[in-house]
PDBML (XML) file of the C-alpha atoms, coordinates in Angstrom:
<?xml version="1.0" encoding="UTF-8" ?>
<PDBx:datablock datablockName="MODEL"
   xmlns:PDBx="http://pdbml.pdb.org/schema/pdbx-v50.xsd"
   xmlns:xsi="http://www.w3.org/2001/XMLSchema-instance"
   xsi:schemaLocation="http://pdbml.pdb.org/schema/pdbx-v50.xsd pdbx-v50.xsd">
   <PDBx:atom_siteCategory>
      <PDBx:atom_site id="1">
         <PDBx:B_iso_or_equiv>0.00</PDBx:B_iso_or_equiv>
         <PDBx:Cartn_x>-77.659</PDBx:Cartn_x>
         <PDBx:Cartn_y>-151.185</PDBx:Cartn_y>
         <PDBx:Cartn_z>-29.381</PDBx:Cartn_z>
         <PDBx:auth_asym_id>A</PDBx:auth_asym_id>
         <PDBx:auth_atom_id>CA</PDBx:auth_atom_id>
         <PDBx:auth_comp_id>VAL</PDBx:auth_comp_id>
         <PDBx:auth_seq_id>1</PDBx:auth_seq_id>
         <PDBx:group_PDB>ATOM</PDBx:group_PDB>
         <PDBx:label_alt_id xsi:nil="true" />
         <PDBx:label_asym_id>A</PDBx:label_asym_id>
         <PDBx:label_atom_id>CA</PDBx:label_atom_id>
         <PDBx:label_comp_id>VAL</PDBx:label_comp_id>
         <PDBx:label_entity_id>1</PDBx:label_entity_id>
         <PDBx:label_seq_id>1</PDBx:label_seq_id>
         <PDBx:occupancy>1.00</PDBx:occupancy>
         <PDBx:pdbx_PDB_model_num>1</PDBx:pdbx_PDB_model_num>
         <PDBx:type_symbol>C</PDBx:type_symbol>
      </PDBx:atom_site>
      <PDBx:atom_site id="2">
         <PDBx:B_iso_or_equiv>0.00</PDBx:B_iso_or_equiv>
         <PDBx:Cartn_x>-75.760</PDBx:Cartn_x>
         <PDBx:Cartn_y>-153.577</PDBx:Cartn_y>
         <PDBx:Cartn_z>-31.638</PDBx:Cartn_z>
         <PDBx:auth_asym_id>A</PDBx:auth_asym_id>
         <PDBx:auth_atom_id>CA</PDBx:auth_atom_id>
         <PDBx:auth_comp_id>GLY</PDBx:auth_comp_id>
         <PDBx:auth_seq_id>2</PDBx:auth_seq_id>
         <PDBx:group_PDB>ATOM</PDBx:group_PDB>
         <PDBx:label_alt_id xsi:nil="true" />
         <PDBx:label_asym_id>A</PDBx:label_asym_id>
         <PDBx:label_atom_id>CA</PDBx:label_atom_id>
         <PDBx:label_comp_id>GLY</PDBx:label_comp_id>
         <PDBx:label_entity_id>1</PDBx:label_entity_id>
         <PDBx:label_seq_id>2</PDBx:label_seq_id>
         <PDBx:occupancy>1.00</PDBx:occupancy>
         <PDBx:pdbx_PDB_model_num>1</PDBx:pdbx_PDB_model_num>
         <PDBx:type_symbol>C</PDBx:type_symbol>
      </PDBx:atom_site>
      <PDBx:atom_site id="3">
         <PDBx:B_iso_or_equiv>0.00</PDBx:B_iso_or_equiv>
         <PDBx:Cartn_x>-75.821</PDBx:Cartn_x>
         <PDBx:Cartn_y>-151.310</PDBx:Cartn_y>
         <PDBx:Cartn_z>-34.684</PDBx:Cartn_z>
         <PDBx:auth_asym_id>A</PDBx:auth_asym_id>
         <PDBx:auth_atom_id>CA</PDBx:auth_atom_id>
         <PDBx:auth_comp_id>ALA</PDBx:auth_comp_id>
         <PDBx:auth_seq_id>3</PDBx:auth_seq_id>
         <PDBx:group_PDB>ATOM</PDBx:group_PDB>
         <PDBx:label_alt_id xsi:nil="true" />
         <PDBx:label_asym_id>A</PDBx:label_asym_id>
         <PDBx:label_atom_id>CA</PDBx:label_atom_id>
         <PDBx:label_comp_id>ALA</PDBx:label_comp_id>
         <PDBx:label_entity_id>1</PDBx:label_entity_id>
         <PDBx:label_seq_id>3</PDBx:label_seq_id>
         <PDBx:occupancy>1.00</PDBx:occupancy>
         <PDBx:pdbx_PDB_model_num>1</PDBx:pdbx_PDB_model_num>
         <PDBx:type_symbol>C</PDBx:type_symbol>
      </PDBx:atom_site>
      <PDBx:atom_site id="4">
         <PDBx:B_iso_or_equiv>0.00</PDBx:B_iso_or_equiv>
         <PDBx:Cartn_x>-73.408</PDBx:Cartn_x>
         <PDBx:Cartn_y>-151.352</PDBx:Cartn_y>
         <PDBx:Cartn_z>-37.611</PDBx:Cartn_z>
         <PDBx:auth_asym_id>A</PDBx:auth_asym_id>
         <PDBx:auth_atom_id>CA</PDBx:auth_atom_id>
         <PDBx:auth_comp_id>TYR</PDBx:auth_comp_id>
         <PDBx:auth_seq_id>4</PDBx:auth_seq_id>
         <PDBx:group_PDB>ATOM</PDBx:group_PDB>
         <PDBx:label_alt_id xsi:nil="true" />
         <PDBx:label_asym_id>A</PDBx:label_asym_id>
         <PDBx:label_atom_id>CA</PDBx:label_atom_id>
         <PDBx:label_comp_id>TYR</PDBx:label_comp_id>
         <PDBx:label_entity_id>1</PDBx:label_entity_id>
         <PDBx:label_seq_id>4</PDBx:label_seq_id>
         <PDBx:occupancy>1.00</PDBx:occupancy>
         <PDBx:pdbx_PDB_model_num>1</PDBx:pdbx_PDB_model_num>
         <PDBx:type_symbol>C</PDBx:type_symbol>
      </PDBx:atom_site>
      <PDBx:atom_site id="5">
         <PDBx:B_iso_or_equiv>0.00</PDBx:B_iso_or_equiv>
         <PDBx:Cartn_x>-73.134</PDBx:Cartn_x>
         <PDBx:Cartn_y>-148.414</PDBx:Cartn_y>
         <PDBx:Cartn_z>-40.023</PDBx:Cartn_z>
         <PDBx:auth_asym_id>A</PDBx:auth_asym_id>
         <PDBx:auth_atom_id>CA</PDBx:auth_atom_id>
         <PDBx:auth_comp_id>PHE</PDBx:auth_comp_id>
         <PDBx:auth_seq_id>5</PDBx:auth_seq_id>
         <PDBx:group_PDB>ATOM</PDBx:group_PDB>
         <PDBx:label_alt_id xsi:nil="true" />
         <PDBx:label_asym_id>A</PDBx:label_asym_id>
         <PDBx:label_atom_id>CA</PDBx:label_atom_id>
         <PDBx:label_comp_id>PHE</PDBx:label_comp_id>
         <PDBx:label_entity_id>1</PDBx:label_entity_id>
         <PDBx:label_seq_id>5</PDBx:label_seq_id>
         <PDBx:occupancy>1.00</PDBx:occupancy>
         <PDBx:pdbx_PDB_model_num>1</PDBx:pdbx_PDB_model_num>
         <PDBx:type_symbol>C</PDBx:type_symbol>
      </PDBx:atom_site>
      <PDBx:atom_site id="6">
         <PDBx:B_iso_or_equiv>0.00</PDBx:B_iso_or_equiv>
         <PDBx:Cartn_x>-69.724</PDBx:Cartn_x>
         <PDBx:Cartn_y>-147.994</PDBx:Cartn_y>
         <PDBx:Cartn_z>-41.721</PDBx:Cartn_z>
         <PDBx:auth_asym_id>A</PDBx:auth_asym_id>
         <PDBx:auth_atom_id>CA</PDBx:auth_atom_id>
         <PDBx:auth_comp_id>PRO</PDBx:auth_comp_id>
         <PDBx:auth_seq_id>6</PDBx:auth_seq_id>
         <PDBx:group_PDB>ATOM</PDBx:group_PDB>
         <PDBx:label_alt_id xsi:nil="true" />
         <PDBx:label_asym_id>A</PDBx:label_asym_id>
         <PDBx:label_atom_id>CA</PDBx:label_atom_id>
         <PDBx:label_comp_id>PRO</PDBx:label_comp_id>
         <PDBx:label_entity_id>1</PDBx:label_entity_id>
         <PDBx:label_seq_id>6</PDBx:label_seq_id>
         <PDBx:occupancy>1.00</PDBx:occupancy>
         <PDBx:pdbx_PDB_model_num>1</PDBx:pdbx_PDB_model_num>
         <PDBx:type_symbol>C</PDBx:type_symbol>
      </PDBx:atom_site>
      <PDBx:atom_site id="7">
         <PDBx:B_iso_or_equiv>0.00</PDBx:B_iso_or_equiv>
         <PDBx:Cartn_x>-70.067</PDBx:Cartn_x>
         <PDBx:Cartn_y>-144.372</PDBx:Cartn_y>
         <PDBx:Cartn_z>-42.828</PDBx:Cartn_z>
         <PDBx:auth_asym_id>A</PDBx:auth_asym_id>
         <PDBx:auth_atom_id>CA</PDBx:auth_atom_id>
         <PDBx:auth_comp_id>HIS</PDBx:auth_comp_id>
         <PDBx:auth_seq_id>7</PDBx:auth_seq_id>
         <PDBx:group_PDB>ATOM</PDBx:group_PDB>
         <PDBx:label_alt_id xsi:nil="true" />
         <PDBx:label_asym_id>A</PDBx:label_asym_id>
         <PDBx:label_atom_id>CA</PDBx:label_atom_id>
         <PDBx:label_comp_id>HIS</PDBx:label_comp_id>
         <PDBx:label_entity_id>1</PDBx:label_entity_id>
         <PDBx:label_seq_id>7</PDBx:label_seq_id>
         <PDBx:occupancy>1.00</PDBx:occupancy>
         <PDBx:pdbx_PDB_model_num>1</PDBx:pdbx_PDB_model_num>
         <PDBx:type_symbol>C</PDBx:type_symbol>
      </PDBx:atom_site>
      <PDBx:atom_site id="8">
         <PDBx:B_iso_or_equiv>0.00</PDBx:B_iso_or_equiv>
         <PDBx:Cartn_x>-69.000</PDBx:Cartn_x>
         <PDBx:Cartn_y>-140.849</PDBx:Cartn_y>
         <PDBx:Cartn_z>-41.909</PDBx:Cartn_z>
         <PDBx:auth_asym_id>A</PDBx:auth_asym_id>
         <PDBx:auth_atom_id>CA</PDBx:auth_atom_id>
         <PDBx:auth_comp_id>ARG</PDBx:auth_comp_id>
         <PDBx:auth_seq_id>8</PDBx:auth_seq_id>
         <PDBx:group_PDB>ATOM</PDBx:group_PDB>
         <PDBx:label_alt_id xsi:nil="true" />
         <PDBx:label_asym_id>A</PDBx:label_asym_id>
         <PDBx:label_atom_id>CA</PDBx:label_atom_id>
         <PDBx:label_comp_id>ARG</PDBx:label_comp_id>
         <PDBx:label_entity_id>1</PDBx:label_entity_id>
         <PDBx:label_seq_id>8</PDBx:label_seq_id>
         <PDBx:occupancy>1.00</PDBx:occupancy>
         <PDBx:pdbx_PDB_model_num>1</PDBx:pdbx_PDB_model_num>
         <PDBx:type_symbol>C</PDBx:type_symbol>
      </PDBx:atom_site>
      <PDBx:atom_site id="9">
         <PDBx:B_iso_or_equiv>0.00</PDBx:B_iso_or_equiv>
         <PDBx:Cartn_x>-71.877</PDBx:Cartn_x>
         <PDBx:Cartn_y>-139.018</PDBx:Cartn_y>
         <PDBx:Cartn_z>-40.256</PDBx:Cartn_z>
         <PDBx:auth_asym_id>A</PDBx:auth_asym_id>
         <PDBx:auth_atom_id>CA</PDBx:auth_atom_id>
         <PDBx:auth_comp_id>VAL</PDBx:auth_comp_id>
         <PDBx:auth_seq_id>9</PDBx:auth_seq_id>
         <PDBx:group_PDB>ATOM</PDBx:group_PDB>
         <PDBx:label_alt_id xsi:nil="true" />
         <PDBx:label_asym_id>A</PDBx:label_asym_id>
         <PDBx:label_atom_id>CA</PDBx:label_atom_id>
         <PDBx:label_comp_id>VAL</PDBx:label_comp_id>
         <PDBx:label_entity_id>1</PDBx:label_entity_id>
         <PDBx:label_seq_id>9</PDBx:label_seq_id>
         <PDBx:occupancy>1.00</PDBx:occupancy>
         <PDBx:pdbx_PDB_model_num>1</PDBx:pdbx_PDB_model_num>
         <PDBx:type_symbol>C</PDBx:type_symbol>
      </PDBx:atom_site>
      <PDBx:atom_site id="10">
         <PDBx:B_iso_or_equiv>0.00</PDBx:B_iso_or_equiv>
         <PDBx:Cartn_x>-72.512</PDBx:Cartn_x>
         <PDBx:Cartn_y>-135.699</PDBx:Cartn_y>
         <PDBx:Cartn_z>-38.586</PDBx:Cartn_z>
         <PDBx:auth_asym_id>A</PDBx:auth_asym_id>
         <PDBx:auth_atom_id>CA</PDBx:auth_atom_id>
         <PDBx:auth_comp_id>THR</PDBx:auth_comp_id>
         <PDBx:auth_seq_id>10</PDBx:auth_seq_id>
         <PDBx:group_PDB>ATOM</PDBx:group_PDB>
         <PDBx:label_alt_id xsi:nil="true" />
         <PDBx:label_asym_id>A</PDBx:label_asym_id>
         <PDBx:label_atom_id>CA</PDBx:label_atom_id>
         <PDBx:label_comp_id>THR</PDBx:label_comp_id>
         <PDBx:label_entity_id>1</PDBx:label_entity_id>
         <PDBx:label_seq_id>10</PDBx:label_seq_id>
         <PDBx:occupancy>1.00</PDBx:occupancy>
         <PDBx:pdbx_PDB_model_num>1</PDBx:pdbx_PDB_model_num>
         <PDBx:type_symbol>C</PDBx:type_symbol>
      </PDBx:atom_site>
      <PDBx:atom_site id="11">
         <PDBx:B_iso_or_equiv>0.00</PDBx:B_iso_or_equiv>
         <PDBx:Cartn_x>-75.289</PDBx:Cartn_x>
         <PDBx:Cartn_y>-135.037</PDBx:Cartn_y>
         <PDBx:Cartn_z>-36.084</PDBx:Cartn_z>
         <PDBx:auth_asym_id>A</PDBx:auth_asym_id>
         <PDBx:auth_atom_id>CA</PDBx:auth_atom_id>
         <PDBx:auth_comp_id>TYR</PDBx:auth_comp_id>
         <PDBx:auth_seq_id>11</PDBx:auth_seq_id>
         <PDBx:group_PDB>ATOM</PDBx:group_PDB>
         <PDBx:label_alt_id xsi:nil="true" />
         <PDBx:label_asym_id>A</PDBx:label_asym_id>
         <PDBx:label_atom_id>CA</PDBx:label_atom_id>
         <PDBx:label_comp_id>TYR</PDBx:label_comp_id>
         <PDBx:label_entity_id>1</PDBx:label_entity_id>
         <PDBx:label_seq_id>11</PDBx:label_seq_id>
         <PDBx:occupancy>1.00</PDBx:occupancy>
         <PDBx:pdbx_PDB_model_num>1</PDBx:pdbx_PDB_model_num>
         <PDBx:type_symbol>C</PDBx:type_symbol>
      </PDBx:atom_site>
      <PDBx:atom_site id="12">
         <PDBx:B_iso_or_equiv>0.00</PDBx:B_iso_or_equiv>
         <PDBx:Cartn_x>-77.662</PDBx:Cartn_x>
         <PDBx:Cartn_y>-132.059</PDBx:Cartn_y>
         <PDBx:Cartn_z>-35.932</PDBx:Cartn_z>
         <PDBx:auth_asym_id>A</PDBx:auth_asym_id>
         <PDBx:auth_atom_id>CA</PDBx:auth_atom_id>
         <PDBx:auth_comp_id>HIS</PDBx:auth_comp_id>
         <PDBx:auth_seq_id>12</PDBx:auth_seq_id>
         <PDBx:group_PDB>ATOM</PDBx:group_PDB>
         <PDBx:label_alt_id xsi:nil="true" />
         <PDBx:label_asym_id>A</PDBx:label_asym_id>
         <PDBx:label_atom_id>CA</PDBx:label_atom_id>
         <PDBx:label_comp_id>HIS</PDBx:label_comp_id>
         <PDBx:label_entity_id>1</PDBx:label_entity_id>
         <PDBx:label_seq_id>12</PDBx:label_seq_id>
         <PDBx:occupancy>1.00</PDBx:occupancy>
         <PDBx:pdbx_PDB_model_num>1</PDBx:pdbx_PDB_model_num>
         <PDBx:type_symbol>C</PDBx:type_symbol>
      </PDBx:atom_site>
      <PDBx:atom_site id="13">
         <PDBx:B_iso_or_equiv>0.00</PDBx:B_iso_or_equiv>
         <PDBx:Cartn_x>-79.266</PDBx:Cartn_x>
         <PDBx:Cartn_y>-131.572</PDBx:Cartn_y>
         <PDBx:Cartn_z>-32.478</PDBx:Cartn_z>
         <PDBx:auth_asym_id>A</PDBx:auth_asym_id>
         <PDBx:auth_atom_id>CA</PDBx:auth_atom_id>
         <PDBx:auth_comp_id>PRO</PDBx:auth_comp_id>
         <PDBx:auth_seq_id>13</PDBx:auth_seq_id>
         <PDBx:group_PDB>ATOM</PDBx:group_PDB>
         <PDBx:label_alt_id xsi:nil="true" />
         <PDBx:label_asym_id>A</PDBx:label_asym_id>
         <PDBx:label_atom_id>CA</PDBx:label_atom_id>
         <PDBx:label_comp_id>PRO</PDBx:label_comp_id>
         <PDBx:label_entity_id>1</PDBx:label_entity_id>
         <PDBx:label_seq_id>13</PDBx:label_seq_id>
         <PDBx:occupancy>1.00</PDBx:occupancy>
         <PDBx:pdbx_PDB_model_num>1</PDBx:pdbx_PDB_model_num>
         <PDBx:type_symbol>C</PDBx:type_symbol>
      </PDBx:atom_site>
      <PDBx:atom_site id="14">
         <PDBx:B_iso_or_equiv>0.00</PDBx:B_iso_or_equiv>
         <PDBx:Cartn_x>-82.757</PDBx:Cartn_x>
         <PDBx:Cartn_y>-130.300</PDBx:Cartn_y>
         <PDBx:Cartn_z>-33.227</PDBx:Cartn_z>
         <PDBx:auth_asym_id>A</PDBx:auth_asym_id>
         <PDBx:auth_atom_id>CA</PDBx:auth_atom_id>
         <PDBx:auth_comp_id>THR</PDBx:auth_comp_id>
         <PDBx:auth_seq_id>14</PDBx:auth_seq_id>
         <PDBx:group_PDB>ATOM</PDBx:group_PDB>
         <PDBx:label_alt_id xsi:nil="true" />
         <PDBx:label_asym_id>A</PDBx:label_asym_id>
         <PDBx:label_atom_id>CA</PDBx:label_atom_id>
         <PDBx:label_comp_id>THR</PDBx:label_comp_id>
         <PDBx:label_entity_id>1</PDBx:label_entity_id>
         <PDBx:label_seq_id>14</PDBx:label_seq_id>
         <PDBx:occupancy>1.00</PDBx:occupancy>
         <PDBx:pdbx_PDB_model_num>1</PDBx:pdbx_PDB_model_num>
         <PDBx:type_symbol>C</PDBx:type_symbol>
      </PDBx:atom_site>
      <PDBx:atom_site id="15">
         <PDBx:B_iso_or_equiv>0.00</PDBx:B_iso_or_equiv>
         <PDBx:Cartn_x>-84.059</PDBx:Cartn_x>
         <PDBx:Cartn_y>-127.347</PDBx:Cartn_y>
         <PDBx:Cartn_z>-31.237</PDBx:Cartn_z>
         <PDBx:auth_asym_id>A</PDBx:auth_asym_id>
         <PDBx:auth_atom_id>CA</PDBx:auth_atom_id>
         <PDBx:auth_comp_id>CYS</PDBx:auth_comp_id>
         <PDBx:auth_seq_id>15</PDBx:auth_seq_id>
         <PDBx:group_PDB>ATOM</PDBx:group_PDB>
         <PDBx:label_alt_id xsi:nil="true" />
         <PDBx:label_asym_id>A</PDBx:label_asym_id>
         <PDBx:label_atom_id>CA</PDBx:label_atom_id>
         <PDBx:label_comp_id>CYS</PDBx:label_comp_id>
         <PDBx:label_entity_id>1</PDBx:label_entity_id>
         <PDBx:label_seq_id>15</PDBx:label_seq_id>
         <PDBx:occupancy>1.00</PDBx:occupancy>
         <PDBx:pdbx_PDB_model_num>1</PDBx:pdbx_PDB_model_num>
         <PDBx:type_symbol>C</PDBx:type_symbol>
      </PDBx:atom_site>
      <PDBx:atom_site id="16">
         <PDBx:B_iso_or_equiv>0.00</PDBx:B_iso_or_equiv>
         <PDBx:Cartn_x>-86.857</PDBx:Cartn_x>
         <PDBx:Cartn_y>-129.057</PDBx:Cartn_y>
         <PDBx:Cartn_z>-29.332</PDBx:Cartn_z>
         <PDBx:auth_asym_id>A</PDBx:auth_asym_id>
         <PDBx:auth_atom_id>CA</PDBx:auth_atom_id>
         <PDBx:auth_comp_id>HIS</PDBx:auth_comp_id>
         <PDBx:auth_seq_id>16</PDBx:auth_seq_id>
         <PDBx:group_PDB>ATOM</PDBx:group_PDB>
         <PDBx:label_alt_id xsi:nil="true" />
         <PDBx:label_asym_id>A</PDBx:label_asym_id>
         <PDBx:label_atom_id>CA</PDBx:label_atom_id>
         <PDBx:label_comp_id>HIS</PDBx:label_comp_id>
         <PDBx:label_entity_id>1</PDBx:label_entity_id>
         <PDBx:label_seq_id>16</PDBx:label_seq_id>
         <PDBx:occupancy>1.00</PDBx:occupancy>
         <PDBx:pdbx_PDB_model_num>1</PDBx:pdbx_PDB_model_num>
         <PDBx:type_symbol>C</PDBx:type_symbol>
      </PDBx:atom_site>
      <PDBx:atom_site id="17">
         <PDBx:B_iso_or_equiv>0.00</PDBx:B_iso_or_equiv>
         <PDBx:Cartn_x>-84.745</PDBx:Cartn_x>
         <PDBx:Cartn_y>-132.060</PDBx:Cartn_y>
         <PDBx:Cartn_z>-28.416</PDBx:Cartn_z>
         <PDBx:auth_asym_id>A</PDBx:auth_asym_id>
         <PDBx:auth_atom_id>CA</PDBx:auth_atom_id>
         <PDBx:auth_comp_id>SER</PDBx:auth_comp_id>
         <PDBx:auth_seq_id>17</PDBx:auth_seq_id>
         <PDBx:group_PDB>ATOM</PDBx:group_PDB>
         <PDBx:label_alt_id xsi:nil="true" />
         <PDBx:label_asym_id>A</PDBx:label_asym_id>
         <PDBx:label_atom_id>CA</PDBx:label_atom_id>
         <PDBx:label_comp_id>SER</PDBx:label_comp_id>
         <PDBx:label_entity_id>1</PDBx:label_entity_id>
         <PDBx:label_seq_id>17</PDBx:label_seq_id>
         <PDBx:occupancy>1.00</PDBx:occupancy>
         <PDBx:pdbx_PDB_model_num>1</PDBx:pdbx_PDB_model_num>
         <PDBx:type_symbol>C</PDBx:type_symbol>
      </PDBx:atom_site>
      <PDBx:atom_site id="18">
         <PDBx:B_iso_or_equiv>0.00</PDBx:B_iso_or_equiv>
         <PDBx:Cartn_x>-81.891</PDBx:Cartn_x>
         <PDBx:Cartn_y>-129.832</PDBx:Cartn_y>
         <PDBx:Cartn_z>-27.308</PDBx:Cartn_z>
         <PDBx:auth_asym_id>A</PDBx:auth_asym_id>
         <PDBx:auth_atom_id>CA</PDBx:auth_atom_id>
         <PDBx:auth_comp_id>LEU</PDBx:auth_comp_id>
         <PDBx:auth_seq_id>18</PDBx:auth_seq_id>
         <PDBx:group_PDB>ATOM</PDBx:group_PDB>
         <PDBx:label_alt_id xsi:nil="true" />
         <PDBx:label_asym_id>A</PDBx:label_asym_id>
         <PDBx:label_atom_id>CA</PDBx:label_atom_id>
         <PDBx:label_comp_id>LEU</PDBx:label_comp_id>
         <PDBx:label_entity_id>1</PDBx:label_entity_id>
         <PDBx:label_seq_id>18</PDBx:label_seq_id>
         <PDBx:occupancy>1.00</PDBx:occupancy>
         <PDBx:pdbx_PDB_model_num>1</PDBx:pdbx_PDB_model_num>
         <PDBx:type_symbol>C</PDBx:type_symbol>
      </PDBx:atom_site>
      <PDBx:atom_site id="19">
         <PDBx:B_iso_or_equiv>0.00</PDBx:B_iso_or_equiv>
         <PDBx:Cartn_x>-83.768</PDBx:Cartn_x>
         <PDBx:Cartn_y>-127.018</PDBx:Cartn_y>
         <PDBx:Cartn_z>-25.575</PDBx:Cartn_z>
         <PDBx:auth_asym_id>A</PDBx:auth_asym_id>
         <PDBx:auth_atom_id>CA</PDBx:auth_atom_id>
         <PDBx:auth_comp_id>ARG</PDBx:auth_comp_id>
         <PDBx:auth_seq_id>19</PDBx:auth_seq_id>
         <PDBx:group_PDB>ATOM</PDBx:group_PDB>
         <PDBx:label_alt_id xsi:nil="true" />
         <PDBx:label_asym_id>A</PDBx:label_asym_id>
         <PDBx:label_atom_id>CA</PDBx:label_atom_id>
         <PDBx:label_comp_id>ARG</PDBx:label_comp_id>
         <PDBx:label_entity_id>1</PDBx:label_entity_id>
         <PDBx:label_seq_id>19</PDBx:label_seq_id>
         <PDBx:occupancy>1.00</PDBx:occupancy>
         <PDBx:pdbx_PDB_model_num>1</PDBx:pdbx_PDB_model_num>
         <PDBx:type_symbol>C</PDBx:type_symbol>
      </PDBx:atom_site>
      <PDBx:atom_site id="20">
         <PDBx:B_iso_or_equiv>0.00</PDBx:B_iso_or_equiv>
         <PDBx:Cartn_x>-87.242</PDBx:Cartn_x>
         <PDBx:Cartn_y>-128.284</PDBx:Cartn_y>
         <PDBx:Cartn_z>-24.672</PDBx:Cartn_z>
         <PDBx:auth_asym_id>A</PDBx:auth_asym_id>
         <PDBx:auth_atom_id>CA</PDBx:auth_atom_id>
         <PDBx:auth_comp_id>MET</PDBx:auth_comp_id>
         <PDBx:auth_seq_id>20</PDBx:auth_seq_id>
         <PDBx:group_PDB>ATOM</PDBx:group_PDB>
         <PDBx:label_alt_id xsi:nil="true" />
         <PDBx:label_asym_id>A</PDBx:label_asym_id>
         <PDBx:label_atom_id>CA</PDBx:label_atom_id>
         <PDBx:label_comp_id>MET</PDBx:label_comp_id>
         <PDBx:label_entity_id>1</PDBx:label_entity_id>
         <PDBx:label_seq_id>20</PDBx:label_seq_id>
         <PDBx:occupancy>1.00</PDBx:occupancy>
         <PDBx:pdbx_PDB_model_num>1</PDBx:pdbx_PDB_model_num>
         <PDBx:type_symbol>C</PDBx:type_symbol>
      </PDBx:atom_site>
      <PDBx:atom_site id="21">
         <PDBx:B_iso_or_equiv>0.00</PDBx:B_iso_or_equiv>
         <PDBx:Cartn_x>-86.350</PDBx:Cartn_x>
         <PDBx:Cartn_y>-131.862</PDBx:Cartn_y>
         <PDBx:Cartn_z>-23.732</PDBx:Cartn_z>
         <PDBx:auth_asym_id>A</PDBx:auth_asym_id>
         <PDBx:auth_atom_id>CA</PDBx:auth_atom_id>
         <PDBx:auth_comp_id>LEU</PDBx:auth_comp_id>
         <PDBx:auth_seq_id>21</PDBx:auth_seq_id>
         <PDBx:group_PDB>ATOM</PDBx:group_PDB>
         <PDBx:label_alt_id xsi:nil="true" />
         <PDBx:label_asym_id>A</PDBx:label_asym_id>
         <PDBx:label_atom_id>CA</PDBx:label_atom_id>
         <PDBx:label_comp_id>LEU</PDBx:label_comp_id>
         <PDBx:label_entity_id>1</PDBx:label_entity_id>
         <PDBx:label_seq_id>21</PDBx:label_seq_id>
         <PDBx:occupancy>1.00</PDBx:occupancy>
         <PDBx:pdbx_PDB_model_num>1</PDBx:pdbx_PDB_model_num>
         <PDBx:type_symbol>C</PDBx:type_symbol>
      </PDBx:atom_site>
      <PDBx:atom_site id="22">
         <PDBx:B_iso_or_equiv>0.00</PDBx:B_iso_or_equiv>
         <PDBx:Cartn_x>-82.700</PDBx:Cartn_x>
         <PDBx:Cartn_y>-131.438</PDBx:Cartn_y>
         <PDBx:Cartn_z>-22.794</PDBx:Cartn_z>
         <PDBx:auth_asym_id>A</PDBx:auth_asym_id>
         <PDBx:auth_atom_id>CA</PDBx:auth_atom_id>
         <PDBx:auth_comp_id>GLY</PDBx:auth_comp_id>
         <PDBx:auth_seq_id>22</PDBx:auth_seq_id>
         <PDBx:group_PDB>ATOM</PDBx:group_PDB>
         <PDBx:label_alt_id xsi:nil="true" />
         <PDBx:label_asym_id>A</PDBx:label_asym_id>
         <PDBx:label_atom_id>CA</PDBx:label_atom_id>
         <PDBx:label_comp_id>GLY</PDBx:label_comp_id>
         <PDBx:label_entity_id>1</PDBx:label_entity_id>
         <PDBx:label_seq_id>22</PDBx:label_seq_id>
         <PDBx:occupancy>1.00</PDBx:occupancy>
         <PDBx:pdbx_PDB_model_num>1</PDBx:pdbx_PDB_model_num>
         <PDBx:type_symbol>C</PDBx:type_symbol>
      </PDBx:atom_site>
      <PDBx:atom_site id="23">
         <PDBx:B_iso_or_equiv>0.00</PDBx:B_iso_or_equiv>
         <PDBx:Cartn_x>-81.561</PDBx:Cartn_x>
         <PDBx:Cartn_y>-134.718</PDBx:Cartn_y>
         <PDBx:Cartn_z>-24.374</PDBx:Cartn_z>
         <PDBx:auth_asym_id>A</PDBx:auth_asym_id>
         <PDBx:auth_atom_id>CA</PDBx:auth_atom_id>
         <PDBx:auth_comp_id>VAL</PDBx:auth_comp_id>
         <PDBx:auth_seq_id>23</PDBx:auth_seq_id>
         <PDBx:group_PDB>ATOM</PDBx:group_PDB>
         <PDBx:label_alt_id xsi:nil="true" />
         <PDBx:label_asym_id>A</PDBx:label_asym_id>
         <PDBx:label_atom_id>CA</PDBx:label_atom_id>
         <PDBx:label_comp_id>VAL</PDBx:label_comp_id>
         <PDBx:label_entity_id>1</PDBx:label_entity_id>
         <PDBx:label_seq_id>23</PDBx:label_seq_id>
         <PDBx:occupancy>1.00</PDBx:occupancy>
         <PDBx:pdbx_PDB_model_num>1</PDBx:pdbx_PDB_model_num>
         <PDBx:type_symbol>C</PDBx:type_symbol>
      </PDBx:atom_site>
      <PDBx:atom_site id="24">
         <PDBx:B_iso_or_equiv>0.00</PDBx:B_iso_or_equiv>
         <PDBx:Cartn_x>-77.967</PDBx:Cartn_x>
         <PDBx:Cartn_y>-133.496</PDBx:Cartn_y>
         <PDBx:Cartn_z>-24.220</PDBx:Cartn_z>
         <PDBx:auth_asym_id>A</PDBx:auth_asym_id>
         <PDBx:auth_atom_id>CA</PDBx:auth_atom_id>
         <PDBx:auth_comp_id>GLY</PDBx:auth_comp_id>
         <PDBx:auth_seq_id>24</PDBx:auth_seq_id>
         <PDBx:group_PDB>ATOM</PDBx:group_PDB>
         <PDBx:label_alt_id xsi:nil="true" />
         <PDBx:label_asym_id>A</PDBx:label_asym_id>
         <PDBx:label_atom_id>CA</PDBx:label_atom_id>
         <PDBx:label_comp_id>GLY</PDBx:label_comp_id>
         <PDBx:label_entity_id>1</PDBx:label_entity_id>
         <PDBx:label_seq_id>24</PDBx:label_seq_id>
         <PDBx:occupancy>1.00</PDBx:occupancy>
         <PDBx:pdbx_PDB_model_num>1</PDBx:pdbx_PDB_model_num>
         <PDBx:type_symbol>C</PDBx:type_symbol>
      </PDBx:atom_site>
   </PDBx:atom_siteCategory>
</PDBx:datablock>
């Protein structure tokens, strides 16, 4: 999407997004 963010990040998949919506 043309983003720039020069940092170390970690991602938490929230329950509803992961289980209810299945965003994968």
